[in-house]
Amino acid sequence: MTMTIKVYEVNREGSTRVIRPESEVTPLEGPEFSHEFPACECLACAEGAS
């Protein structure tokens, strides 16, 4: 199954500008490891706060 994607930007006045025209892409089965958020290292999570 393919999807289409179009990349554009919108300025604060609401005007749009196309960065990359519409093209077909094939989605991944799952996220790549590099797209995952790292584990939280804040003090509350490290201590297991509930």
C-alpha atoms as a PDB file:
ATOM      1  CA  MET A   1       0.000   0.000   0.000  1.00  0.00           C
ATOM      2  CA  THR A   2       1.410   3.393  -0.928  1.00  0.00           C
ATOM      3  CA  MET A   3       0.573   6.793   0.496  1.00  0.00           C
ATOM      4  CA  THR A   4       1.077  10.292  -0.837  1.00  0.00           C
ATOM      5  CA  ILE A   5       2.917  13.042   0.986  1.00  0.00           C
ATOM      6  CA  LYS A   6       3.334  16.742   0.268  1.00  0.00           C
ATOM      7  CA  VAL A   7       5.649  18.902   2.354  1.00  0.00           C
ATOM      8  CA  TYR A   8       4.830  22.566   2.774  1.00  0.00           C
ATOM      9  CA  GLU A   9       5.326  25.385   5.251  1.00  0.00           C
ATOM     10  CA  VAL A  10       2.847  27.917   6.562  1.00  0.00           C
ATOM     11  CA  ASN A  11       3.931  31.365   7.743  1.00  0.00           C
ATOM     12  CA  ARG A  12       2.215  33.287  10.517  1.00  0.00           C
ATOM     13  CA  GLU A  13      -0.005  35.127   8.019  1.00  0.00           C
ATOM     14  CA  GLY A  14      -1.353  31.771   6.778  1.00  0.00           C
ATOM     15  CA  SER A  15       0.390  31.750   3.390  1.00  0.00           C
ATOM     16  CA  THR A  16       1.666  28.345   2.292  1.00  0.00           C
ATOM     17  CA  ARG A  17       4.747  27.443   0.265  1.00  0.00           C
ATOM     18  CA  VAL A  18       5.362  23.971  -1.171  1.00  0.00           C
ATOM     19  CA  ILE A  19       8.722  22.570  -0.061  1.00  0.00           C
ATOM     20  CA  ARG A  20       8.352  19.194  -1.810  1.00  0.00           C
ATOM     21  CA  PRO A  21       5.578  18.435  -4.322  1.00  0.00           C
ATOM     22  CA  GLU A  22       3.203  15.519  -3.752  1.00  0.00           C
ATOM     23  CA  SER A  23       4.883  12.142  -4.222  1.00  0.00           C
ATOM     24  CA  GLU A  24       4.141   8.494  -3.437  1.00  0.00           C
ATOM     25  CA  VAL A  25       5.849   6.834  -0.487  1.00  0.00           C
ATOM     26  CA  THR A  26       5.722   3.342   0.984  1.00  0.00           C
ATOM     27  CA  PRO A  27       5.147   3.372   4.760  1.00  0.00           C
ATOM     28  CA  LEU A  28       7.324   1.316   7.102  1.00  0.00           C
ATOM     29  CA  GLU A  29       5.887  -1.686   8.912  1.00  0.00           C
ATOM     30  CA  GLY A  30       6.927  -0.085  12.209  1.00  0.00           C
ATOM     31  CA  PRO A  31       9.018   2.853  13.389  1.00  0.00           C
ATOM     32  CA  GLU A  32      12.771   2.637  13.004  1.00  0.00           C
ATOM     33  CA  PHE A  33      14.685   2.495  16.273  1.00  0.00           C
ATOM     34  CA  SER A  34      16.046   6.014  15.706  1.00  0.00           C
ATOM     35  CA  HIS A  35      12.486   7.421  15.678  1.00  0.00           C
ATOM     36  CA  GLU A  36      11.687   6.215  19.181  1.00  0.00           C
ATOM     37  CA  PHE A  37      11.869   8.597  22.120  1.00  0.00           C
ATOM     38  CA  PRO A  38      14.645   7.708  24.574  1.00  0.00           C
ATOM     39  CA  ALA A  39      13.700   6.595  28.057  1.00  0.00           C
ATOM     40  CA  CYS A  40      13.055   9.498  30.442  1.00  0.00           C
ATOM     41  CA  GLU A  41      15.995  10.230  32.711  1.00  0.00           C
ATOM     42  CA  CYS A  42      14.361  12.811  34.986  1.00  0.00           C
ATOM     43  CA  LEU A  43      14.732  12.328  38.738  1.00  0.00           C
ATOM     44  CA  ALA A  44      11.041  11.455  39.262  1.00  0.00           C
ATOM     45  CA  CYS A  45      11.128   8.672  36.658  1.00  0.00           C
ATOM     46  CA  ALA A  46      14.517   7.411  37.787  1.00  0.00           C
ATOM     47  CA  GLU A  47      13.186   7.028  41.355  1.00  0.00           C
ATOM     48  CA  GLY A  48       9.978   5.365  40.140  1.00  0.00           C
ATOM     49  CA  ALA A  49       7.606   8.069  41.397  1.00  0.00           C
ATOM     50  CA  SER A  50       3.914   7.216  41.081  1.00  0.00           C
END
